[in-house]
Amino acid sequence: MKTTNKDTTDLSEYYYSKEKILDSIRYIVQKKHKETEIFVNDKSGNPVKYFKILAGGDTISNYLLQYQYDKYGNWVKKLETTLKKERFAFSGNDDPYSLVVREIKYSDK
């Protein structure tokens, strides 16, 4: 399945598996394919690895994601590890790790 998101000059194409899980995103800038993000997902549909690949085939970024789940099967901690970073990317935080913690309150449980 493919869906698109357009603005004036750019286009993002979202590709989904038969199970409706995001497989990849293709970025078109000024009518030219710029890069693609490819996702490897776990059985819950959460990405566990993803790559950013330039149109020419070079991998510019590579990320690993690990999750901790609560007793209901929802992730409550996500650790993202940068395995390879974009050559020309500048960020105020060059830490190779990012941790997201979320609290889920269940009203009926």
PDB file of N, CA and C in Angstrom:
ATOM      1  N   MET A   1       0.839  -1.160   0.000  1.00  0.00           N
ATOM      2  CA  MET A   1       0.000   0.000   0.000  1.00  0.00           C
ATOM      3  C   MET A   1       0.896   1.239   0.000  1.00  0.00           C
ATOM      4  N   LYS A   2       0.526   2.271  -0.731  1.00  0.00           N
ATOM      5  CA  LYS A   2       1.308   3.487  -0.828  1.00  0.00           C
ATOM      6  C   LYS A   2       0.404   4.677  -0.540  1.00  0.00           C
ATOM      7  N   THR A   3       0.870   5.584   0.319  1.00  0.00           N
ATOM      8  CA  THR A   3       0.168   6.842   0.530  1.00  0.00           C
ATOM      9  C   THR A   3       1.164   7.972   0.290  1.00  0.00           C
ATOM     10  N   THR A   4       0.674   9.149  -0.019  1.00  0.00           N
ATOM     11  CA  THR A   4       1.576  10.269  -0.298  1.00  0.00           C
ATOM     12  C   THR A   4       1.206  11.473   0.544  1.00  0.00           C
ATOM     13  N   ASN A   5       2.214  12.286   0.791  1.00  0.00           N
ATOM     14  CA  ASN A   5       2.040  13.540   1.504  1.00  0.00           C
ATOM     15  C   ASN A   5       2.758  14.599   0.672  1.00  0.00           C
ATOM     16  N   LYS A   6       2.042  15.580   0.165  1.00  0.00           N
ATOM     17  CA  LYS A   6       2.627  16.566  -0.733  1.00  0.00           C
ATOM     18  C   LYS A   6       2.589  17.957  -0.122  1.00  0.00           C
ATOM     19  N   ASP A   7       3.606  18.750  -0.439  1.00  0.00           N
ATOM     20  CA  ASP A   7       3.499  20.188  -0.266  1.00  0.00           C
ATOM     21  C   ASP A   7       3.835  20.784  -1.628  1.00  0.00           C
ATOM     22  N   THR A   8       4.304  22.008  -1.708  1.00  0.00           N
ATOM     23  CA  THR A   8       4.451  22.656  -3.011  1.00  0.00           C
ATOM     24  C   THR A   8       5.486  21.996  -3.917  1.00  0.00           C
ATOM     25  N   THR A   9       6.646  21.597  -3.391  1.00  0.00           N
ATOM     26  CA  THR A   9       7.682  21.030  -4.255  1.00  0.00           C
ATOM     27  C   THR A   9       8.147  19.649  -3.825  1.00  0.00           C
ATOM     28  N   ASP A  10       7.842  19.247  -2.605  1.00  0.00           N
ATOM     29  CA  ASP A  10       8.351  17.988  -2.081  1.00  0.00           C
ATOM     30  C   ASP A  10       7.242  16.946  -1.981  1.00  0.00           C
ATOM     31  N   LEU A  11       7.659  15.692  -1.990  1.00  0.00           N
ATOM     32  CA  LEU A  11       6.717  14.581  -1.944  1.00  0.00           C
ATOM     33  C   LEU A  11       7.301  13.502  -1.034  1.00  0.00           C
ATOM     34  N   SER A  12       6.492  12.960  -0.164  1.00  0.00           N
ATOM     35  CA  SER A  12       6.870  11.820   0.669  1.00  0.00           C
ATOM     36  C   SER A  12       5.918  10.689   0.334  1.00  0.00           C
ATOM     37  N   GLU A  13       6.467   9.544  -0.022  1.00  0.00           N
ATOM     38  CA  GLU A  13       5.661   8.369  -0.330  1.00  0.00           C
ATOM     39  C   GLU A  13       5.853   7.355   0.792  1.00  0.00           C
ATOM     40  N   TYR A  14       4.755   6.927   1.408  1.00  0.00           N
ATOM     41  CA  TYR A  14       4.775   5.980   2.514  1.00  0.00           C
ATOM     42  C   TYR A  14       4.324   4.620   2.002  1.00  0.00           C
ATOM     43  N   TYR A  15       5.144   3.596   2.234  1.00  0.00           N
ATOM     44  CA  TYR A  15       4.837   2.247   1.789  1.00  0.00           C
ATOM     45  C   TYR A  15       4.587   1.359   3.011  1.00  0.00           C
ATOM     46  N   TYR A  16       3.490   0.581   2.939  1.00  0.00           N
ATOM     47  CA  TYR A  16       3.075  -0.274   4.049  1.00  0.00           C
ATOM     48  C   TYR A  16       3.010  -1.726   3.614  1.00  0.00           C
ATOM     49  N   SER A  17       3.241  -2.620   4.563  1.00  0.00           N
ATOM     50  CA  SER A  17       3.127  -4.052   4.300  1.00  0.00           C
ATOM     51  C   SER A  17       1.652  -4.441   4.225  1.00  0.00           C
ATOM     52  N   LYS A  18       1.413  -5.703   3.908  1.00  0.00           N
ATOM     53  CA  LYS A  18       0.038  -6.217   3.883  1.00  0.00           C
ATOM     54  C   LYS A  18      -0.600  -6.131   5.268  1.00  0.00           C
ATOM     55  N   GLU A  19       0.238  -6.153   6.310  1.00  0.00           N
ATOM     56  CA  GLU A  19      -0.250  -6.064   7.684  1.00  0.00           C
ATOM     57  C   GLU A  19      -0.444  -4.610   8.124  1.00  0.00           C
ATOM     58  N   LYS A  20      -0.283  -3.673   7.185  1.00  0.00           N
ATOM     59  CA  LYS A  20      -0.447  -2.233   7.427  1.00  0.00           C
ATOM     60  C   LYS A  20       0.606  -1.674   8.378  1.00  0.00           C
ATOM     61  N   ILE A  21       1.840  -2.191   8.256  1.00  0.00           N
ATOM     62  CA  ILE A  21       2.980  -1.717   9.038  1.00  0.00           C
ATOM     63  C   ILE A  21       3.894  -0.950   8.086  1.00  0.00           C
ATOM     64  N   LEU A  22       4.382   0.194   8.541  1.00  0.00           N
ATOM     65  CA  LEU A  22       5.235   1.032   7.701  1.00  0.00           C
ATOM     66  C   LEU A  22       6.512   0.299   7.322  1.00  0.00           C
ATOM     67  N   ASP A  23       6.761   0.159   6.013  1.00  0.00           N
ATOM     68  CA  ASP A  23       7.960  -0.496   5.489  1.00  0.00           C
ATOM     69  C   ASP A  23       9.038   0.508   5.112  1.00  0.00           C
ATOM     70  N   SER A  24       8.616   1.595   4.458  1.00  0.00           N
ATOM     71  CA  SER A  24       9.597   2.553   3.966  1.00  0.00           C
ATOM     72  C   SER A  24       8.936   3.891   3.653  1.00  0.00           C
ATOM     73  N   ILE A  25       9.788   4.912   3.607  1.00  0.00           N
ATOM     74  CA  ILE A  25       9.363   6.246   3.197  1.00  0.00           C
ATOM     75  C   ILE A  25      10.341   6.709   2.126  1.00  0.00           C
ATOM     76  N   ARG A  26       9.805   7.154   1.031  1.00  0.00           N
ATOM     77  CA  ARG A  26      10.619   7.635  -0.089  1.00  0.00           C
ATOM     78  C   ARG A  26      10.424   9.143  -0.209  1.00  0.00           C
ATOM     79  N   TYR A  27      11.532   9.889  -0.216  1.00  0.00           N
ATOM     80  CA  TYR A  27      11.479  11.350  -0.262  1.00  0.00           C
ATOM     81  C   TYR A  27      11.860  11.863  -1.649  1.00  0.00           C
ATOM     82  N   ILE A  28      10.986  12.668  -2.224  1.00  0.00           N
ATOM     83  CA  ILE A  28      11.212  13.279  -3.530  1.00  0.00           C
ATOM     84  C   ILE A  28      11.324  14.785  -3.284  1.00  0.00           C
ATOM     85  N   VAL A  29      12.408  15.390  -3.745  1.00  0.00           N
ATOM     86  CA  VAL A  29      12.620  16.830  -3.592  1.00  0.00           C
ATOM     87  C   VAL A  29      12.801  17.424  -4.978  1.00  0.00           C
ATOM     88  N   GLN A  30      11.997  18.407  -5.296  1.00  0.00           N
ATOM     89  CA  GLN A  30      12.009  19.061  -6.612  1.00  0.00           C
ATOM     90  C   GLN A  30      11.967  18.035  -7.742  1.00  0.00           C
ATOM     91  N   LYS A  31      11.045  17.079  -7.591  1.00  0.00           N
ATOM     92  CA  LYS A  31      10.758  16.027  -8.572  1.00  0.00           C
ATOM     93  C   LYS A  31      11.890  15.015  -8.766  1.00  0.00           C
ATOM     94  N   LYS A  32      12.863  14.977  -7.826  1.00  0.00           N
ATOM     95  CA  LYS A  32      13.950  14.001  -7.910  1.00  0.00           C
ATOM     96  C   LYS A  32      13.994  13.196  -6.614  1.00  0.00           C
ATOM     97  N   HIS A  33      14.183  11.883  -6.763  1.00  0.00           N
ATOM     98  CA  HIS A  33      14.295  11.014  -5.598  1.00  0.00           C
ATOM     99  C   HIS A  33      15.556  11.384  -4.836  1.00  0.00           C
ATOM    100  N   LYS A  34      15.386  11.755  -3.551  1.00  0.00           N
ATOM    101  CA  LYS A  34      16.523  12.174  -2.733  1.00  0.00           C
ATOM    102  C   LYS A  34      17.029  11.038  -1.860  1.00  0.00           C
ATOM    103  N   GLU A  35      16.134  10.460  -1.050  1.00  0.00           N
ATOM    104  CA  GLU A  35      16.536   9.382  -0.147  1.00  0.00           C
ATOM    105  C   GLU A  35      15.335   8.532   0.236  1.00  0.00           C
ATOM    106  N   THR A  36      15.651   7.376   0.835  1.00  0.00           N
ATOM    107  CA  THR A  36      14.628   6.436   1.290  1.00  0.00           C
ATOM    108  C   THR A  36      14.975   5.995   2.703  1.00  0.00           C
ATOM    109  N   GLU A  37      13.967   5.870   3.543  1.00  0.00           N
ATOM    110  CA  GLU A  37      14.130   5.255   4.855  1.00  0.00           C
ATOM    111  C   GLU A  37      13.474   3.888   4.798  1.00  0.00           C
ATOM    112  N   ILE A  38      14.210   2.866   5.220  1.00  0.00           N
ATOM    113  CA  ILE A  38      13.711   1.495   5.204  1.00  0.00           C
ATOM    114  C   ILE A  38      13.658   0.992   6.641  1.00  0.00           C
ATOM    115  N   PHE A  39      12.531   0.393   7.020  1.00  0.00           N
ATOM    116  CA  PHE A  39      12.295  -0.053   8.392  1.00  0.00           C
ATOM    117  C   PHE A  39      12.247  -1.571   8.480  1.00  0.00           C
ATOM    118  N   VAL A  40      12.856  -2.112   9.517  1.00  0.00           N
ATOM    119  CA  VAL A  40      12.732  -3.523   9.880  1.00  0.00           C
ATOM    120  C   VAL A  40      11.934  -3.526  11.175  1.00  0.00           C
ATOM    121  N   ASN A  41      10.802  -4.233  11.185  1.00  0.00           N
ATOM    122  CA  ASN A  41       9.871  -4.163  12.308  1.00  0.00           C
ATOM    123  C   ASN A  41       9.801  -5.473  13.082  1.00  0.00           C
ATOM    124  N   ASP A  42       9.466  -5.352  14.383  1.00  0.00           N
ATOM    125  CA  ASP A  42       9.253  -6.549  15.191  1.00  0.00           C
ATOM    126  C   ASP A  42       7.824  -7.057  14.988  1.00  0.00           C
ATOM    127  N   LYS A  43       7.462  -8.123  15.689  1.00  0.00           N
ATOM    128  CA  LYS A  43       6.133  -8.723  15.499  1.00  0.00           C
ATOM    129  C   LYS A  43       4.999  -7.799  15.932  1.00  0.00           C
ATOM    130  N   SER A  44       5.309  -6.796  16.764  1.00  0.00           N
ATOM    131  CA  SER A  44       4.295  -5.820  17.179  1.00  0.00           C
ATOM    132  C   SER A  44       4.157  -4.662  16.195  1.00  0.00           C
ATOM    133  N   GLY A  45       5.042  -4.631  15.192  1.00  0.00           N
ATOM    134  CA  GLY A  45       4.997  -3.561  14.208  1.00  0.00           C
ATOM    135  C   GLY A  45       5.899  -2.383  14.534  1.00  0.00           C
ATOM    136  N   ASN A  46       6.619  -2.464  15.653  1.00  0.00           N
ATOM    137  CA  ASN A  46       7.540  -1.386  16.015  1.00  0.00           C
ATOM    138  C   ASN A  46       8.846  -1.533  15.245  1.00  0.00           C
ATOM    139  N   PRO A  47       9.400  -0.419  14.732  1.00  0.00           N
ATOM    140  CA  PRO A  47      10.682  -0.525  14.041  1.00  0.00           C
ATOM    141  C   PRO A  47      11.799  -0.885  15.016  1.00  0.00           C
ATOM    142  N   VAL A  48      12.616  -1.870  14.658  1.00  0.00           N
ATOM    143  CA  VAL A  48      13.760  -2.258  15.482  1.00  0.00           C
ATOM    144  C   VAL A  48      15.076  -1.848  14.821  1.00  0.00           C
ATOM    145  N   LYS A  49      14.996  -1.520  13.551  1.00  0.00           N
ATOM    146  CA  LYS A  49      16.148  -1.037  12.807  1.00  0.00           C
ATOM    147  C   LYS A  49      15.628  -0.184  11.670  1.00  0.00           C
ATOM    148  N   TYR A  50      16.347   0.888  11.350  1.00  0.00           N
ATOM    149  CA  TYR A  50      16.006   1.592  10.125  1.00  0.00           C
ATOM    150  C   TYR A  50      17.232   2.255   9.534  1.00  0.00           C
ATOM    151  N   PHE A  51      17.178   2.413   8.225  1.00  0.00           N
ATOM    152  CA  PHE A  51      18.292   2.921   7.442  1.00  0.00           C
ATOM    153  C   PHE A  51      17.834   4.112   6.614  1.00  0.00           C
ATOM    154  N   LYS A  52      18.705   5.087   6.442  1.00  0.00           N
ATOM    155  CA  LYS A  52      18.474   6.171   5.492  1.00  0.00           C
ATOM    156  C   LYS A  52      19.455   5.950   4.347  1.00  0.00           C
ATOM    157  N   ILE A  53      18.901   5.822   3.149  1.00  0.00           N
ATOM    158  CA  ILE A  53      19.707   5.492   1.983  1.00  0.00           C
ATOM    159  C   ILE A  53      19.506   6.571   0.922  1.00  0.00           C
ATOM    160  N   LEU A  54      20.604   7.104   0.394  1.00  0.00           N
ATOM    161  CA  LEU A  54      20.516   8.083  -0.684  1.00  0.00           C
ATOM    162  C   LEU A  54      20.042   7.415  -1.962  1.00  0.00           C
ATOM    163  N   ALA A  55      19.530   8.210  -2.882  1.00  0.00           N
ATOM    164  CA  ALA A  55      19.013   7.687  -4.150  1.00  0.00           C
ATOM    165  C   ALA A  55      20.079   6.882  -4.891  1.00  0.00           C
ATOM    166  N   GLY A  56      21.352   7.236  -4.744  1.00  0.00           N
ATOM    167  CA  GLY A  56      22.439   6.516  -5.406  1.00  0.00           C
ATOM    168  C   GLY A  56      22.789   5.202  -4.749  1.00  0.00           C
ATOM    169  N   GLY A  57      22.221   4.907  -3.574  1.00  0.00           N
ATOM    170  CA  GLY A  57      22.452   3.626  -2.919  1.00  0.00           C
ATOM    171  C   GLY A  57      23.330   3.682  -1.683  1.00  0.00           C
ATOM    172  N   ASP A  58      23.961   4.824  -1.385  1.00  0.00           N
ATOM    173  CA  ASP A  58      24.809   4.928  -0.201  1.00  0.00           C
ATOM    174  C   ASP A  58      23.954   5.026   1.065  1.00  0.00           C
ATOM    175  N   THR A  59      24.305   4.231   2.077  1.00  0.00           N
ATOM    176  CA  THR A  59      23.631   4.321   3.371  1.00  0.00           C
ATOM    177  C   THR A  59      24.251   5.474   4.137  1.00  0.00           C
ATOM    178  N   ILE A  60      23.420   6.452   4.530  1.00  0.00           N
ATOM    179  CA  ILE A  60      23.955   7.607   5.249  1.00  0.00           C
ATOM    180  C   ILE A  60      23.681   7.536   6.743  1.00  0.00           C
ATOM    181  N   SER A  61      22.688   6.757   7.156  1.00  0.00           N
ATOM    182  CA  SER A  61      22.391   6.591   8.574  1.00  0.00           C
ATOM    183  C   SER A  61      21.838   5.196   8.819  1.00  0.00           C
ATOM    184  N   ASN A  62      22.111   4.699  10.021  1.00  0.00           N
ATOM    185  CA  ASN A  62      21.686   3.363  10.402  1.00  0.00           C
ATOM    186  C   ASN A  62      21.369   3.408  11.895  1.00  0.00           C
ATOM    187  N   TYR A  63      20.172   2.995  12.286  1.00  0.00           N
ATOM    188  CA  TYR A  63      19.722   3.097  13.667  1.00  0.00           C
ATOM    189  C   TYR A  63      19.192   1.762  14.161  1.00  0.00           C
ATOM    190  N   LEU A  64      19.406   1.501  15.445  1.00  0.00           N
ATOM    191  CA  LEU A  64      18.899   0.313  16.119  1.00  0.00           C
ATOM    192  C   LEU A  64      17.969   0.773  17.237  1.00  0.00           C
ATOM    193  N   LEU A  65      16.795   0.164  17.355  1.00  0.00           N
ATOM    194  CA  LEU A  65      15.826   0.532  18.394  1.00  0.00           C
ATOM    195  C   LEU A  65      15.507  -0.681  19.257  1.00  0.00           C
ATOM    196  N   GLN A  66      15.497  -0.474  20.575  1.00  0.00           N
ATOM    197  CA  GLN A  66      15.168  -1.533  21.525  1.00  0.00           C
ATOM    198  C   GLN A  66      14.051  -1.023  22.431  1.00  0.00           C
ATOM    199  N   TYR A  67      13.156  -1.928  22.824  1.00  0.00           N
ATOM    200  CA  TYR A  67      11.971  -1.541  23.582  1.00  0.00           C
ATOM    201  C   TYR A  67      11.853  -2.343  24.867  1.00  0.00           C
ATOM    202  N   GLN A  68      11.227  -1.708  25.874  1.00  0.00           N
ATOM    203  CA  GLN A  68      10.734  -2.416  27.051  1.00  0.00           C
ATOM    204  C   GLN A  68       9.223  -2.230  27.037  1.00  0.00           C
ATOM    205  N   TYR A  69       8.500  -3.321  27.309  1.00  0.00           N
ATOM    206  CA  TYR A  69       7.044  -3.308  27.219  1.00  0.00           C
ATOM    207  C   TYR A  69       6.413  -3.444  28.601  1.00  0.00           C
ATOM    208  N   ASP A  70       5.221  -2.886  28.747  1.00  0.00           N
ATOM    209  CA  ASP A  70       4.473  -3.086  29.985  1.00  0.00           C
ATOM    210  C   ASP A  70       3.685  -4.394  29.883  1.00  0.00           C
ATOM    211  N   LYS A  71       2.928  -4.703  30.918  1.00  0.00           N
ATOM    212  CA  LYS A  71       2.210  -5.986  30.937  1.00  0.00           C
ATOM    213  C   LYS A  71       1.089  -6.062  29.903  1.00  0.00           C
ATOM    214  N   TYR A  72       0.735  -4.932  29.275  1.00  0.00           N
ATOM    215  CA  TYR A  72      -0.298  -4.911  28.243  1.00  0.00           C
ATOM    216  C   TYR A  72       0.279  -4.978  26.827  1.00  0.00           C
ATOM    217  N   GLY A  73       1.609  -5.044  26.737  1.00  0.00           N
ATOM    218  CA  GLY A  73       2.245  -5.158  25.430  1.00  0.00           C
ATOM    219  C   GLY A  73       2.565  -3.841  24.746  1.00  0.00           C
ATOM    220  N   ASN A  74       2.416  -2.731  25.453  1.00  0.00           N
ATOM    221  CA  ASN A  74       2.761  -1.419  24.893  1.00  0.00           C
ATOM    222  C   ASN A  74       4.166  -1.035  25.336  1.00  0.00           C
ATOM    223  N   TRP A  75       4.940  -0.439  24.438  1.00  0.00           N
ATOM    224  CA  TRP A  75       6.291  -0.075  24.851  1.00  0.00           C
ATOM    225  C   TRP A  75       6.243   1.149  25.755  1.00  0.00           C
ATOM    226  N   VAL A  76       7.083   1.099  26.789  1.00  0.00           N
ATOM    227  CA  VAL A  76       7.168   2.198  27.755  1.00  0.00           C
ATOM    228  C   VAL A  76       8.559   2.829  27.765  1.00  0.00           C
ATOM    229  N   LYS A  77       9.542   2.120  27.204  1.00  0.00           N
ATOM    230  CA  LYS A  77      10.887   2.679  27.036  1.00  0.00           C
ATOM    231  C   LYS A  77      11.387   2.293  25.656  1.00  0.00           C
ATOM    232  N   LYS A  78      11.990   3.270  24.979  1.00  0.00           N
ATOM    233  CA  LYS A  78      12.574   3.000  23.658  1.00  0.00           C
ATOM    234  C   LYS A  78      13.977   3.596  23.641  1.00  0.00           C
ATOM    235  N   LEU A  79      14.952   2.752  23.363  1.00  0.00           N
ATOM    236  CA  LEU A  79      16.342   3.185  23.249  1.00  0.00           C
ATOM    237  C   LEU A  79      16.722   3.162  21.778  1.00  0.00           C
ATOM    238  N   GLU A  80      17.117   4.315  21.247  1.00  0.00           N
ATOM    239  CA  GLU A  80      17.559   4.405  19.856  1.00  0.00           C
ATOM    240  C   GLU A  80      19.067   4.600  19.853  1.00  0.00           C
ATOM    241  N   THR A  81      19.767   3.718  19.161  1.00  0.00           N
ATOM    242  CA  THR A  81      21.214   3.773  19.060  1.00  0.00           C
ATOM    243  C   THR A  81      21.596   4.113  17.627  1.00  0.00           C
ATOM    244  N   THR A  82      22.421   5.128  17.468  1.00  0.00           N
ATOM    245  CA  THR A  82      22.903   5.500  16.141  1.00  0.00           C
ATOM    246  C   THR A  82      24.114   4.640  15.828  1.00  0.00           C
ATOM    247  N   LEU A  83      24.001   3.805  14.802  1.00  0.00           N
ATOM    248  CA  LEU A  83      25.109   2.946  14.397  1.00  0.00           C
ATOM    249  C   LEU A  83      25.973   3.630  13.341  1.00  0.00           C
ATOM    250  N   LYS A  84      25.355   4.450  12.513  1.00  0.00           N
ATOM    251  CA  LYS A  84      26.062   5.213  11.488  1.00  0.00           C
ATOM    252  C   LYS A  84      25.310   6.515  11.306  1.00  0.00           C
ATOM    253  N   LYS A  85      26.033   7.635  11.305  1.00  0.00           N
ATOM    254  CA  LYS A  85      25.384   8.937  11.232  1.00  0.00           C
ATOM    255  C   LYS A  85      25.662   9.595   9.888  1.00  0.00           C
ATOM    256  N   GLU A  86      24.726  10.436   9.474  1.00  0.00           N
ATOM    257  CA  GLU A  86      24.886  11.181   8.237  1.00  0.00           C
ATOM    258  C   GLU A  86      26.200  11.957   8.273  1.00  0.00           C
ATOM    259  N   ARG A  87      26.905  11.920   7.180  1.00  0.00           N
ATOM    260  CA  ARG A  87      28.218  12.563   7.116  1.00  0.00           C
ATOM    261  C   ARG A  87      28.168  14.053   7.362  1.00  0.00           C
ATOM    262  N   PHE A  88      27.158  14.731   6.853  1.00  0.00           N
ATOM    263  CA  PHE A  88      27.132  16.180   6.893  1.00  0.00           C
ATOM    264  C   PHE A  88      26.073  16.723   7.850  1.00  0.00           C
ATOM    265  N   ALA A  89      25.513  15.847   8.653  1.00  0.00           N
ATOM    266  CA  ALA A  89      24.467  16.293   9.580  1.00  0.00           C
ATOM    267  C   ALA A  89      25.102  16.995  10.766  1.00  0.00           C
ATOM    268  N   PHE A  90      24.534  18.093  11.173  1.00  0.00           N
ATOM    269  CA  PHE A  90      24.972  18.785  12.381  1.00  0.00           C
ATOM    270  C   PHE A  90      23.831  18.772  13.365  1.00  0.00           C
ATOM    271  N   SER A  91      24.166  18.439  14.563  1.00  0.00           N
ATOM    272  CA  SER A  91      23.158  18.407  15.617  1.00  0.00           C
ATOM    273  C   SER A  91      23.808  18.950  16.877  1.00  0.00           C
ATOM    274  N   GLY A  92      23.044  19.637  17.676  1.00  0.00           N
ATOM    275  CA  GLY A  92      23.564  20.127  18.942  1.00  0.00           C
ATOM    276  C   GLY A  92      23.888  18.994  19.889  1.00  0.00           C
ATOM    277  N   ASN A  93      23.322  17.819  19.660  1.00  0.00           N
ATOM    278  CA  ASN A  93      23.558  16.661  20.509  1.00  0.00           C
ATOM    279  C   ASN A  93      24.053  15.523  19.627  1.00  0.00           C
ATOM    280  N   ASP A  94      25.334  15.201  19.739  1.00  0.00           N
ATOM    281  CA  ASP A  94      25.905  14.120  18.943  1.00  0.00           C
ATOM    282  C   ASP A  94      25.975  12.810  19.712  1.00  0.00           C
ATOM    283  N   ASP A  95      25.207  12.702  20.799  1.00  0.00           N
ATOM    284  CA  ASP A  95      25.148  11.489  21.586  1.00  0.00           C
ATOM    285  C   ASP A  95      24.585  10.366  20.725  1.00  0.00           C
ATOM    286  N   PRO A  96      25.239   9.198  20.687  1.00  0.00           N
ATOM    287  CA  PRO A  96      24.742   8.105  19.834  1.00  0.00           C
ATOM    288  C   PRO A  96      23.509   7.393  20.391  1.00  0.00           C
ATOM    289  N   TYR A  97      23.043   7.797  21.577  1.00  0.00           N
ATOM    290  CA  TYR A  97      21.892   7.155  22.197  1.00  0.00           C
ATOM    291  C   TYR A  97      20.786   8.168  22.466  1.00  0.00           C
ATOM    292  N   SER A  98      19.566   7.705  22.324  1.00  0.00           N
ATOM    293  CA  SER A  98      18.395   8.513  22.660  1.00  0.00           C
ATOM    294  C   SER A  98      17.412   7.603  23.377  1.00  0.00           C
ATOM    295  N   LEU A  99      16.940   8.036  24.544  1.00  0.00           N
ATOM    296  CA  LEU A  99      16.000   7.244  25.323  1.00  0.00           C
ATOM    297  C   LEU A  99      14.679   7.986  25.420  1.00  0.00           C
ATOM    298  N   VAL A 100      13.604   7.298  25.066  1.00  0.00           N
ATOM    299  CA  VAL A 100      12.259   7.844  25.200  1.00  0.00           C
ATOM    300  C   VAL A 100      11.538   7.008  26.246  1.00  0.00           C
ATOM    301  N   VAL A 101      11.000   7.671  27.258  1.00  0.00           N
ATOM    302  CA  VAL A 101      10.228   7.002  28.296  1.00  0.00           C
ATOM    303  C   VAL A 101       8.821   7.574  28.227  1.00  0.00           C
ATOM    304  N   ARG A 102       7.828   6.705  28.184  1.00  0.00           N
ATOM    305  CA  ARG A 102       6.451   7.183  28.170  1.00  0.00           C
ATOM    306  C   ARG A 102       5.645   6.465  29.233  1.00  0.00           C
ATOM    307  N   GLU A 103       4.727   7.224  29.806  1.00  0.00           N
ATOM    308  CA  GLU A 103       3.847   6.680  30.831  1.00  0.00           C
ATOM    309  C   GLU A 103       2.457   6.555  30.232  1.00  0.00           C
ATOM    310  N   ILE A 104       1.901   5.373  30.341  1.00  0.00           N
ATOM    311  CA  ILE A 104       0.560   5.126  29.816  1.00  0.00           C
ATOM    312  C   ILE A 104      -0.356   4.866  30.999  1.00  0.00           C
ATOM    313  N   LYS A 105      -1.401   5.639  31.080  1.00  0.00           N
ATOM    314  CA  LYS A 105      -2.382   5.440  32.150  1.00  0.00           C
ATOM    315  C   LYS A 105      -3.596   4.746  31.544  1.00  0.00           C
ATOM    316  N   TYR A 106      -3.958   3.613  32.114  1.00  0.00           N
ATOM    317  CA  TYR A 106      -5.090   2.843  31.642  1.00  0.00           C
ATOM    318  C   TYR A 106      -6.289   3.163  32.530  1.00  0.00           C
ATOM    319  N   SER A 107      -7.330   3.670  31.931  1.00  0.00           N
ATOM    320  CA  SER A 107      -8.500   4.103  32.718  1.00  0.00           C
ATOM    321  C   SER A 107      -9.434   2.953  33.090  1.00  0.00           C
ATOM    322  N   ASP A 108      -9.433   1.905  32.294  1.00  0.00           N
ATOM    323  CA  ASP A 108     -10.379   0.808  32.556  1.00  0.00           C
ATOM    324  C   ASP A 108      -9.712  -0.418  33.167  1.00  0.00           C
ATOM    325  N   LYS A 109      -8.494  -0.282  33.615  1.00  0.00           N
ATOM    326  CA  LYS A 109      -7.781  -1.452  34.136  1.00  0.00           C
ATOM    327  C   LYS A 109      -7.349  -1.241  35.553  1.00  0.00           C
TER     328      LYS A 109
END
